[in-house]
Each structure stands twice: as C-alpha cells, then as structure tokens.
C-alpha cells in the first residue's frame, strides 16, 4: 500500500518528508516505556507528545495547561506539566496508555 500526500498528514523537517506513521528510535522506546510495568515516572511530556504526533494525533491546547488529543477517533485530555517538557506523573502515563490502547496502538 503506497502512501500519498492526500491520505497522510506530513511533517517537514529540514526538507525531509516524514509520514505520520513513521516512528524514530526514541519514539519507539517511549511507546515501550508507556506500556511497561511498573508505570514509569520519568517520562517527559515532550517525548509523549512527539510519539502521539508520529502516530497521527491532533494535539490542541486547551485552557491553562490542558492539552486535547484526538487519535484514531479517540479523545484524551491531559495536563501538561510545568515547566514545559518536564516529567509527567504516573496517572498521566496510565491515561496515555489507555488512549493508545483504545486507538489500537501497542508496542508490538
């Protein structure tokens, strides 16, 4: 199945086209960490956000530090930690895991 620009949202980085389903090594490691047991407490929000975008999520800012995520028809509302990019709490990791599971995404 070939990808077309009409079917996929693309991101441009330094004149390179990256399709939404392409994950780099760090994003793949973040996905595995989200599904790890016990739940990790050292994940950074910017790493989770990068993973979600690579999977095709639409992320919008809400009021305050709320972040809305739409992924494969599923919706999630998260709290972005302060200062930006810092570690998320375990409950947020569990909520992200639930969103990914409901969206049909797993580390396998």
N, C-alpha and C. Protein backbone atom coordinates (compact mmCIF):
# COMPACT_ATOMS: atom_id res chain seq x y z
N UNK A 1 0.84 -1.17 0.00
CA UNK A 1 0.00 0.00 0.00
C UNK A 1 0.89 1.24 0.00
N UNK A 2 0.77 2.05 -1.01
CA UNK A 2 1.60 3.24 -1.08
C UNK A 2 0.93 4.41 -0.38
N UNK A 3 1.75 5.31 0.12
CA UNK A 3 1.25 6.48 0.83
C UNK A 3 1.19 7.65 -0.13
N UNK A 4 0.16 8.45 0.01
CA UNK A 4 0.06 9.66 -0.79
C UNK A 4 -0.05 10.85 0.13
N UNK A 5 0.28 11.99 -0.37
CA UNK A 5 0.20 13.20 0.42
C UNK A 5 -1.25 13.54 0.78
N UNK A 6 -2.20 13.12 -0.06
CA UNK A 6 -3.61 13.39 0.22
C UNK A 6 -4.12 12.55 1.39
N UNK A 7 -3.58 11.36 1.58
CA UNK A 7 -4.06 10.45 2.61
C UNK A 7 -3.39 10.67 3.96
N UNK A 8 -2.24 11.24 3.99
CA UNK A 8 -1.48 11.34 5.23
C UNK A 8 -1.15 12.79 5.57
N UNK A 9 -1.15 13.04 6.83
CA UNK A 9 -0.65 14.33 7.31
C UNK A 9 0.86 14.18 7.36
N UNK A 10 1.57 15.15 6.81
CA UNK A 10 3.02 15.06 6.81
C UNK A 10 3.63 16.20 7.59
N UNK A 11 4.80 15.97 8.07
CA UNK A 11 5.57 16.99 8.75
C UNK A 11 6.86 17.18 7.97
N UNK A 12 7.31 18.41 7.83
CA UNK A 12 8.54 18.67 7.10
C UNK A 12 9.62 19.10 8.07
N UNK A 13 10.72 18.37 8.08
CA UNK A 13 11.88 18.69 8.90
C UNK A 13 13.09 18.76 7.99
N UNK A 14 13.66 19.93 7.84
CA UNK A 14 14.87 20.11 7.03
C UNK A 14 14.74 19.50 5.64
N UNK A 15 13.64 19.81 4.99
CA UNK A 15 13.34 19.37 3.63
C UNK A 15 13.16 17.87 3.50
N UNK A 16 12.95 17.19 4.63
CA UNK A 16 12.70 15.75 4.60
C UNK A 16 11.23 15.53 4.95
N UNK A 17 10.55 14.69 4.19
CA UNK A 17 9.14 14.42 4.46
C UNK A 17 9.05 13.18 5.35
N UNK A 18 8.36 13.33 6.49
CA UNK A 18 8.18 12.23 7.42
C UNK A 18 6.69 11.96 7.54
N UNK A 19 6.26 10.75 7.22
CA UNK A 19 4.85 10.41 7.30
C UNK A 19 4.46 10.20 8.76
N UNK A 20 3.18 10.40 9.04
CA UNK A 20 2.71 10.36 10.42
C UNK A 20 2.90 9.00 11.08
N UNK A 21 3.03 7.92 10.34
CA UNK A 21 3.17 6.61 10.94
C UNK A 21 4.63 6.21 11.15
N UNK A 22 5.56 7.05 10.72
CA UNK A 22 6.97 6.75 10.92
C UNK A 22 7.38 7.13 12.34
N UNK A 23 7.96 6.18 13.05
CA UNK A 23 8.47 6.45 14.39
C UNK A 23 9.97 6.32 14.37
N UNK A 24 10.64 7.24 15.06
CA UNK A 24 12.07 7.10 15.20
C UNK A 24 12.37 6.21 16.42
N UNK A 25 13.63 5.98 16.68
CA UNK A 25 14.02 5.07 17.77
C UNK A 25 13.53 5.57 19.13
N UNK A 26 13.66 6.86 19.37
CA UNK A 26 13.25 7.42 20.66
C UNK A 26 11.75 7.30 20.87
N UNK A 27 10.96 7.54 19.82
CA UNK A 27 9.52 7.41 19.93
C UNK A 27 9.11 5.97 20.18
N UNK A 28 9.80 5.04 19.55
CA UNK A 28 9.54 3.63 19.77
C UNK A 28 9.87 3.23 21.22
N UNK A 29 10.96 3.76 21.75
CA UNK A 29 11.34 3.48 23.14
C UNK A 29 10.32 4.09 24.10
N UNK A 30 9.82 5.28 23.78
CA UNK A 30 8.80 5.91 24.63
C UNK A 30 7.53 5.08 24.65
N UNK A 31 7.13 4.56 23.50
CA UNK A 31 5.94 3.71 23.43
C UNK A 31 6.11 2.48 24.32
N UNK A 32 7.26 1.85 24.27
CA UNK A 32 7.52 0.68 25.12
C UNK A 32 7.50 1.04 26.59
N UNK A 33 8.04 2.21 26.94
CA UNK A 33 8.04 2.65 28.33
C UNK A 33 6.63 2.91 28.84
N UNK A 34 5.77 3.46 28.00
CA UNK A 34 4.39 3.74 28.41
C UNK A 34 3.67 2.45 28.78
N UNK A 35 3.95 1.37 28.07
CA UNK A 35 3.30 0.10 28.33
C UNK A 35 4.06 -0.78 29.32
N UNK A 36 5.14 -0.27 29.89
CA UNK A 36 5.95 -1.05 30.84
C UNK A 36 5.26 -1.17 32.19
N UNK A 37 5.62 -2.23 32.91
CA UNK A 37 5.16 -2.44 34.28
C UNK A 37 6.39 -2.56 35.14
N UNK A 38 6.50 -1.82 36.23
CA UNK A 38 5.59 -0.80 36.75
C UNK A 38 5.59 0.45 35.88
N UNK A 39 4.57 1.28 36.08
CA UNK A 39 4.42 2.51 35.31
C UNK A 39 5.61 3.43 35.58
N UNK A 40 6.29 3.90 34.54
CA UNK A 40 7.45 4.78 34.75
C UNK A 40 7.05 6.17 35.24
N UNK A 41 7.93 6.78 35.99
CA UNK A 41 7.66 8.12 36.49
C UNK A 41 8.65 9.14 35.94
N UNK A 42 9.46 8.73 34.97
CA UNK A 42 10.48 9.62 34.44
C UNK A 42 10.28 9.98 32.96
N UNK A 43 9.06 9.80 32.44
CA UNK A 43 8.79 10.16 31.06
C UNK A 43 8.55 11.66 30.94
N UNK A 44 9.09 12.25 29.91
CA UNK A 44 8.92 13.68 29.68
C UNK A 44 7.72 13.91 28.75
N UNK A 45 6.99 14.99 29.03
CA UNK A 45 5.80 15.28 28.23
C UNK A 45 6.15 15.47 26.76
N UNK A 46 7.25 16.14 26.46
CA UNK A 46 7.60 16.39 25.05
C UNK A 46 7.87 15.09 24.30
N UNK A 47 8.37 14.05 25.00
CA UNK A 47 8.58 12.74 24.36
C UNK A 47 7.25 12.07 24.05
N UNK A 48 6.30 12.16 24.99
CA UNK A 48 4.97 11.58 24.78
C UNK A 48 4.26 12.31 23.65
N UNK A 49 4.36 13.63 23.64
CA UNK A 49 3.74 14.43 22.60
C UNK A 49 4.32 14.09 21.23
N UNK A 50 5.61 13.92 21.14
CA UNK A 50 6.27 13.54 19.89
C UNK A 50 5.78 12.18 19.40
N UNK A 51 5.63 11.23 20.32
CA UNK A 51 5.12 9.91 19.97
C UNK A 51 3.70 10.02 19.42
N UNK A 52 2.85 10.76 20.11
CA UNK A 52 1.45 10.90 19.68
C UNK A 52 1.36 11.53 18.29
N UNK A 53 2.16 12.54 18.03
CA UNK A 53 2.17 13.18 16.71
C UNK A 53 2.63 12.20 15.64
N UNK A 54 3.63 11.38 15.96
CA UNK A 54 4.12 10.41 14.98
C UNK A 54 3.07 9.38 14.63
N UNK A 55 2.13 9.15 15.54
CA UNK A 55 1.04 8.20 15.30
C UNK A 55 -0.18 8.85 14.67
N UNK A 56 -0.09 10.17 14.38
CA UNK A 56 -1.17 10.84 13.68
C UNK A 56 -2.12 11.60 14.57
N UNK A 57 -1.76 11.83 15.82
CA UNK A 57 -2.64 12.56 16.74
C UNK A 57 -2.72 14.03 16.37
N UNK A 58 -3.89 14.60 16.63
CA UNK A 58 -4.09 16.03 16.50
C UNK A 58 -4.10 16.58 17.92
N UNK A 59 -3.16 17.46 18.22
CA UNK A 59 -3.00 17.98 19.58
C UNK A 59 -3.32 19.47 19.57
N UNK A 60 -4.22 19.87 20.47
CA UNK A 60 -4.58 21.28 20.60
C UNK A 60 -4.49 21.68 22.07
N UNK A 61 -4.17 22.94 22.27
CA UNK A 61 -4.07 23.45 23.63
C UNK A 61 -5.44 23.88 24.12
N UNK A 62 -5.73 23.54 25.37
CA UNK A 62 -6.97 23.97 25.99
C UNK A 62 -6.69 25.11 26.94
N UNK A 63 -7.57 25.30 27.89
CA UNK A 63 -7.37 26.34 28.89
C UNK A 63 -6.27 25.96 29.84
N UNK A 64 -5.52 26.95 30.25
CA UNK A 64 -4.43 26.68 31.19
C UNK A 64 -3.40 25.78 30.57
N UNK A 65 -3.10 24.70 31.25
CA UNK A 65 -2.10 23.76 30.75
C UNK A 65 -2.73 22.47 30.24
N UNK A 66 -4.01 22.53 29.91
CA UNK A 66 -4.69 21.34 29.38
C UNK A 66 -4.32 21.15 27.91
N UNK A 67 -4.24 19.89 27.53
CA UNK A 67 -3.92 19.53 26.15
C UNK A 67 -4.95 18.51 25.68
N UNK A 68 -5.59 18.80 24.55
CA UNK A 68 -6.56 17.88 23.97
C UNK A 68 -5.88 17.06 22.88
N UNK A 69 -6.16 15.75 22.88
CA UNK A 69 -5.55 14.86 21.89
C UNK A 69 -6.65 14.06 21.21
N UNK A 70 -6.62 14.04 19.88
CA UNK A 70 -7.50 13.17 19.09
C UNK A 70 -6.62 12.21 18.31
N UNK A 71 -6.90 10.91 18.47
CA UNK A 71 -6.09 9.88 17.84
C UNK A 71 -6.98 8.73 17.41
N UNK A 72 -7.06 8.50 16.12
CA UNK A 72 -7.86 7.39 15.57
C UNK A 72 -9.28 7.37 16.12
N UNK A 73 -9.91 8.53 16.23
CA UNK A 73 -11.28 8.61 16.71
C UNK A 73 -11.43 8.65 18.23
N UNK A 74 -10.34 8.48 18.94
CA UNK A 74 -10.36 8.54 20.41
C UNK A 74 -9.93 9.92 20.86
N UNK A 75 -10.46 10.35 22.01
CA UNK A 75 -10.14 11.67 22.54
C UNK A 75 -9.54 11.53 23.94
N UNK A 76 -8.59 12.41 24.24
CA UNK A 76 -7.99 12.45 25.56
C UNK A 76 -7.73 13.88 25.98
N UNK A 77 -7.78 14.12 27.27
CA UNK A 77 -7.50 15.44 27.83
C UNK A 77 -6.44 15.25 28.90
N UNK A 78 -5.31 15.92 28.73
CA UNK A 78 -4.17 15.74 29.63
C UNK A 78 -3.72 17.07 30.19
N UNK A 79 -2.98 17.00 31.26
CA UNK A 79 -2.40 18.18 31.89
C UNK A 79 -0.92 18.20 31.57
N UNK A 80 -0.48 19.26 30.89
CA UNK A 80 0.95 19.38 30.57
C UNK A 80 1.68 19.87 31.81
N UNK A 81 2.71 19.16 32.25
CA UNK A 81 3.41 19.55 33.47
C UNK A 81 4.16 20.87 33.31
N UNK A 82 4.40 21.53 34.41
CA UNK A 82 5.15 22.80 34.44
C UNK A 82 6.52 22.55 35.01
N UNK A 83 7.55 23.15 34.60
CA UNK A 83 7.65 23.87 33.33
C UNK A 83 7.53 22.90 32.16
N UNK A 84 7.27 23.44 30.99
CA UNK A 84 7.01 22.63 29.79
C UNK A 84 8.10 21.59 29.57
N UNK A 85 7.66 20.36 29.27
CA UNK A 85 8.60 19.31 28.93
C UNK A 85 9.08 18.48 30.09
N UNK A 86 8.66 18.79 31.29
CA UNK A 86 9.14 18.05 32.45
C UNK A 86 8.42 16.71 32.56
N UNK A 87 8.81 15.94 33.56
CA UNK A 87 8.25 14.60 33.76
C UNK A 87 6.76 14.64 34.07
N UNK A 88 6.04 13.66 33.53
CA UNK A 88 4.62 13.53 33.79
C UNK A 88 4.42 12.57 34.95
N UNK A 89 3.30 12.71 35.63
CA UNK A 89 3.01 11.83 36.76
C UNK A 89 2.54 10.47 36.24
N UNK A 90 2.56 9.48 37.11
CA UNK A 90 2.19 8.12 36.72
C UNK A 90 0.75 8.04 36.24
N UNK A 91 -0.14 8.83 36.84
CA UNK A 91 -1.55 8.80 36.42
C UNK A 91 -1.70 9.27 34.98
N UNK A 92 -0.90 10.24 34.55
CA UNK A 92 -0.95 10.71 33.17
C UNK A 92 -0.43 9.63 32.22
N UNK A 93 0.61 8.94 32.62
CA UNK A 93 1.13 7.84 31.79
C UNK A 93 0.06 6.77 31.62
N UNK A 94 -0.69 6.47 32.68
CA UNK A 94 -1.77 5.48 32.59
C UNK A 94 -2.87 5.96 31.65
N UNK A 95 -3.19 7.26 31.69
CA UNK A 95 -4.21 7.81 30.80
C UNK A 95 -3.75 7.77 29.35
N UNK A 96 -2.48 8.07 29.10
CA UNK A 96 -1.94 7.99 27.74
C UNK A 96 -1.97 6.55 27.26
N UNK A 97 -1.62 5.62 28.13
CA UNK A 97 -1.66 4.18 27.78
C UNK A 97 -3.08 3.79 27.38
N UNK A 98 -4.07 4.23 28.16
CA UNK A 98 -5.47 3.91 27.86
C UNK A 98 -5.88 4.49 26.50
N UNK A 99 -5.47 5.73 26.23
CA UNK A 99 -5.78 6.35 24.94
C UNK A 99 -5.18 5.53 23.80
N UNK A 100 -3.91 5.16 23.94
CA UNK A 100 -3.24 4.38 22.89
C UNK A 100 -3.92 3.03 22.69
N UNK A 101 -4.27 2.35 23.79
CA UNK A 101 -4.94 1.06 23.67
C UNK A 101 -6.27 1.20 22.94
N UNK A 102 -7.06 2.19 23.32
CA UNK A 102 -8.36 2.42 22.69
C UNK A 102 -8.22 2.81 21.22
N UNK A 103 -7.10 3.43 20.87
CA UNK A 103 -6.83 3.82 19.48
C UNK A 103 -6.22 2.68 18.67
N UNK A 104 -5.99 1.55 19.32
CA UNK A 104 -5.45 0.38 18.61
C UNK A 104 -3.94 0.40 18.43
N UNK A 105 -3.24 1.10 19.32
CA UNK A 105 -1.79 1.20 19.21
C UNK A 105 -1.15 0.47 20.38
N UNK A 106 -0.20 -0.39 20.07
CA UNK A 106 0.53 -1.13 21.10
C UNK A 106 2.00 -1.17 20.70
N UNK A 107 2.88 -1.53 21.64
CA UNK A 107 4.31 -1.52 21.31
C UNK A 107 4.76 -2.66 20.41
N UNK A 108 3.90 -3.55 20.05
CA UNK A 108 4.28 -4.70 19.22
C UNK A 108 4.28 -4.39 17.76
